[in-house]
């Protein structure tokens, strides 16, 4: 059985809720495709117990297992926007705040 690490115990509730939602969504996607847990686990190359933990949103399961499930279900492409700089509104706002007031030509160095 995996260790209950400090990180897992200290995960914020929004992160735990997001994992639970993702696990539920993976289960729904599997069922819509008429796949058994065993079928999907084999495609992911994991034990069926690992898939059950993914579908339960267990934070002790590796990110790789969640990614493997999404790949096996054909949903991995949708992750391209996660943490994309183009969609990072807070990061863009911070970059704008750091823009200089004025821009001057640089003098050539001789």
C-alpha atoms as a PDB file:
ATOM      1  CA  UNK A   1       0.000   0.000   0.000  1.00  0.00           C
ATOM      2  CA  UNK A   2       1.359   3.468  -0.887  1.00  0.00           C
ATOM      3  CA  UNK A   3       2.597   5.755   1.835  1.00  0.00           C
ATOM      4  CA  UNK A   4       0.397   8.610   2.986  1.00  0.00           C
ATOM      5  CA  UNK A   5       2.998  11.287   2.312  1.00  0.00           C
ATOM      6  CA  UNK A   6       3.035  14.766   3.736  1.00  0.00           C
ATOM      7  CA  UNK A   7       2.247  16.155   0.291  1.00  0.00           C
ATOM      8  CA  UNK A   8      -0.898  14.044  -0.029  1.00  0.00           C
ATOM      9  CA  UNK A   9      -2.026  14.993   3.478  1.00  0.00           C
ATOM     10  CA  UNK A  10      -1.436  18.682   2.786  1.00  0.00           C
ATOM     11  CA  UNK A  11      -3.099  18.908  -0.630  1.00  0.00           C
ATOM     12  CA  UNK A  12      -5.584  21.771  -0.694  1.00  0.00           C
ATOM     13  CA  UNK A  13      -9.246  20.856  -0.942  1.00  0.00           C
ATOM     14  CA  UNK A  14      -9.615  22.346  -4.458  1.00  0.00           C
ATOM     15  CA  UNK A  15      -6.809  20.055  -5.679  1.00  0.00           C
ATOM     16  CA  UNK A  16      -8.397  17.005  -4.059  1.00  0.00           C
ATOM     17  CA  UNK A  17     -11.771  17.945  -5.529  1.00  0.00           C
ATOM     18  CA  UNK A  18     -10.217  18.315  -8.983  1.00  0.00           C
ATOM     19  CA  UNK A  19      -8.640  14.852  -8.738  1.00  0.00           C
ATOM     20  CA  UNK A  20     -11.986  13.374  -7.718  1.00  0.00           C
ATOM     21  CA  UNK A  21     -13.719  15.064 -10.665  1.00  0.00           C
ATOM     22  CA  UNK A  22     -11.056  13.812 -13.077  1.00  0.00           C
ATOM     23  CA  UNK A  23     -11.365  10.282 -11.743  1.00  0.00           C
ATOM     24  CA  UNK A  24     -15.142  10.398 -12.156  1.00  0.00           C
ATOM     25  CA  UNK A  25     -14.759  11.774 -15.691  1.00  0.00           C
ATOM     26  CA  UNK A  26     -12.341   9.004 -16.604  1.00  0.00           C
ATOM     27  CA  UNK A  27     -14.862   6.436 -15.326  1.00  0.00           C
ATOM     28  CA  UNK A  28     -17.670   8.027 -17.364  1.00  0.00           C
ATOM     29  CA  UNK A  29     -15.495   8.094 -20.498  1.00  0.00           C
ATOM     30  CA  UNK A  30     -14.602   4.432 -20.017  1.00  0.00           C
ATOM     31  CA  UNK A  31     -18.245   3.443 -19.593  1.00  0.00           C
ATOM     32  CA  UNK A  32     -19.330   5.476 -22.634  1.00  0.00           C
ATOM     33  CA  UNK A  33     -16.806   3.500 -24.657  1.00  0.00           C
ATOM     34  CA  UNK A  34     -18.247   0.258 -23.278  1.00  0.00           C
ATOM     35  CA  UNK A  35     -14.885  -0.743 -21.812  1.00  0.00           C
ATOM     36  CA  UNK A  36     -14.452  -2.764 -18.666  1.00  0.00           C
ATOM     37  CA  UNK A  37     -11.969  -1.660 -16.035  1.00  0.00           C
ATOM     38  CA  UNK A  38      -9.851  -4.660 -16.962  1.00  0.00           C
ATOM     39  CA  UNK A  39      -9.831  -3.667 -20.666  1.00  0.00           C
ATOM     40  CA  UNK A  40      -8.775  -0.105 -19.912  1.00  0.00           C
ATOM     41  CA  UNK A  41      -6.198  -1.168 -17.317  1.00  0.00           C
ATOM     42  CA  UNK A  42      -4.601  -3.480 -19.900  1.00  0.00           C
ATOM     43  CA  UNK A  43      -4.430  -0.642 -22.459  1.00  0.00           C
ATOM     44  CA  UNK A  44      -2.841   1.558 -19.782  1.00  0.00           C
ATOM     45  CA  UNK A  45      -0.427  -1.243 -18.848  1.00  0.00           C
ATOM     46  CA  UNK A  46      -1.409  -1.033 -15.160  1.00  0.00           C
ATOM     47  CA  UNK A  47      -3.125  -3.281 -12.654  1.00  0.00           C
ATOM     48  CA  UNK A  48      -6.910  -2.939 -12.470  1.00  0.00           C
ATOM     49  CA  UNK A  49      -6.519  -1.813  -8.839  1.00  0.00           C
ATOM     50  CA  UNK A  50      -4.538   1.191 -10.068  1.00  0.00           C
ATOM     51  CA  UNK A  51      -7.308   2.102 -12.497  1.00  0.00           C
ATOM     52  CA  UNK A  52      -9.870   1.818  -9.701  1.00  0.00           C
ATOM     53  CA  UNK A  53      -7.804   4.244  -7.647  1.00  0.00           C
ATOM     54  CA  UNK A  54      -7.558   6.619 -10.622  1.00  0.00           C
ATOM     55  CA  UNK A  55     -11.327   6.505 -11.060  1.00  0.00           C
ATOM     56  CA  UNK A  56     -11.708   7.222  -7.333  1.00  0.00           C
ATOM     57  CA  UNK A  57      -9.452  10.286  -7.645  1.00  0.00           C
ATOM     58  CA  UNK A  58      -6.839   8.908  -5.279  1.00  0.00           C
ATOM     59  CA  UNK A  59      -4.056  11.522  -4.928  1.00  0.00           C
ATOM     60  CA  UNK A  60      -1.474   8.816  -4.177  1.00  0.00           C
ATOM     61  CA  UNK A  61      -1.694   7.503  -7.748  1.00  0.00           C
ATOM     62  CA  UNK A  62       1.029   8.851 -10.025  1.00  0.00           C
ATOM     63  CA  UNK A  63       0.243  11.533 -12.551  1.00  0.00           C
ATOM     64  CA  UNK A  64       1.470   9.046 -15.131  1.00  0.00           C
ATOM     65  CA  UNK A  65      -1.452   6.729 -14.367  1.00  0.00           C
ATOM     66  CA  UNK A  66      -3.950   9.543 -14.918  1.00  0.00           C
ATOM     67  CA  UNK A  67      -2.177  10.450 -18.178  1.00  0.00           C
ATOM     68  CA  UNK A  68      -2.169   6.826 -19.316  1.00  0.00           C
ATOM     69  CA  UNK A  69      -5.916   6.618 -18.700  1.00  0.00           C
ATOM     70  CA  UNK A  70      -6.558   9.788 -20.687  1.00  0.00           C
ATOM     71  CA  UNK A  71      -4.309   8.539 -23.503  1.00  0.00           C
ATOM     72  CA  UNK A  72      -6.012   5.144 -23.607  1.00  0.00           C
ATOM     73  CA  UNK A  73      -9.392   6.887 -23.822  1.00  0.00           C
ATOM     74  CA  UNK A  74      -8.225   9.211 -26.602  1.00  0.00           C
ATOM     75  CA  UNK A  75      -8.488  12.324 -24.418  1.00  0.00           C
ATOM     76  CA  UNK A  76      -4.815  13.233 -24.003  1.00  0.00           C
ATOM     77  CA  UNK A  77      -4.855  15.977 -26.676  1.00  0.00           C
ATOM     78  CA  UNK A  78      -7.223  18.057 -24.550  1.00  0.00           C
ATOM     79  CA  UNK A  79      -4.476  18.457 -21.951  1.00  0.00           C
ATOM     80  CA  UNK A  80      -2.408  20.639 -24.281  1.00  0.00           C
ATOM     81  CA  UNK A  81      -4.105  23.751 -22.908  1.00  0.00           C
ATOM     82  CA  UNK A  82      -3.419  22.938 -19.264  1.00  0.00           C
ATOM     83  CA  UNK A  83      -0.862  25.432 -17.919  1.00  0.00           C
ATOM     84  CA  UNK A  84      -0.398  26.821 -21.438  1.00  0.00           C
ATOM     85  CA  UNK A  85       1.218  30.279 -21.392  1.00  0.00           C
ATOM     86  CA  UNK A  86      -1.468  31.434 -23.812  1.00  0.00           C
ATOM     87  CA  UNK A  87      -4.168  30.665 -21.231  1.00  0.00           C
ATOM     88  CA  UNK A  88      -2.246  31.875 -18.160  1.00  0.00           C
ATOM     89  CA  UNK A  89      -4.121  35.127 -17.552  1.00  0.00           C
ATOM     90  CA  UNK A  90      -2.409  35.841 -14.235  1.00  0.00           C
ATOM     91  CA  UNK A  91       1.039  35.304 -15.768  1.00  0.00           C
ATOM     92  CA  UNK A  92       0.152  37.560 -18.681  1.00  0.00           C
ATOM     93  CA  UNK A  93      -1.050  40.279 -16.306  1.00  0.00           C
ATOM     94  CA  UNK A  94       2.187  40.045 -14.314  1.00  0.00           C
ATOM     95  CA  UNK A  95       4.232  40.325 -17.517  1.00  0.00           C
ATOM     96  CA  UNK A  96       2.290  43.426 -18.535  1.00  0.00           C
ATOM     97  CA  UNK A  97       2.904  44.967 -15.104  1.00  0.00           C
ATOM     98  CA  UNK A  98       6.656  44.524 -15.642  1.00  0.00           C
ATOM     99  CA  UNK A  99       6.739  46.344 -18.965  1.00  0.00           C
ATOM    100  CA  UNK A 100       8.893  49.472 -18.908  1.00  0.00           C
ATOM    101  CA  UNK A 101       7.232  52.875 -18.991  1.00  0.00           C
ATOM    102  CA  UNK A 102       9.463  53.975 -21.861  1.00  0.00           C
ATOM    103  CA  UNK A 103      11.595  52.184 -24.378  1.00  0.00           C
ATOM    104  CA  UNK A 104      14.769  53.896 -25.561  1.00  0.00           C
ATOM    105  CA  UNK A 105      17.139  53.036 -28.332  1.00  0.00           C
ATOM    106  CA  UNK A 106      20.311  51.466 -27.190  1.00  0.00           C
ATOM    107  CA  UNK A 107      23.496  53.246 -28.036  1.00  0.00           C
ATOM    108  CA  UNK A 108      25.875  51.143 -30.061  1.00  0.00           C
ATOM    109  CA  UNK A 109      28.907  49.948 -28.118  1.00  0.00           C
ATOM    110  CA  UNK A 110      32.236  50.933 -29.620  1.00  0.00           C
END
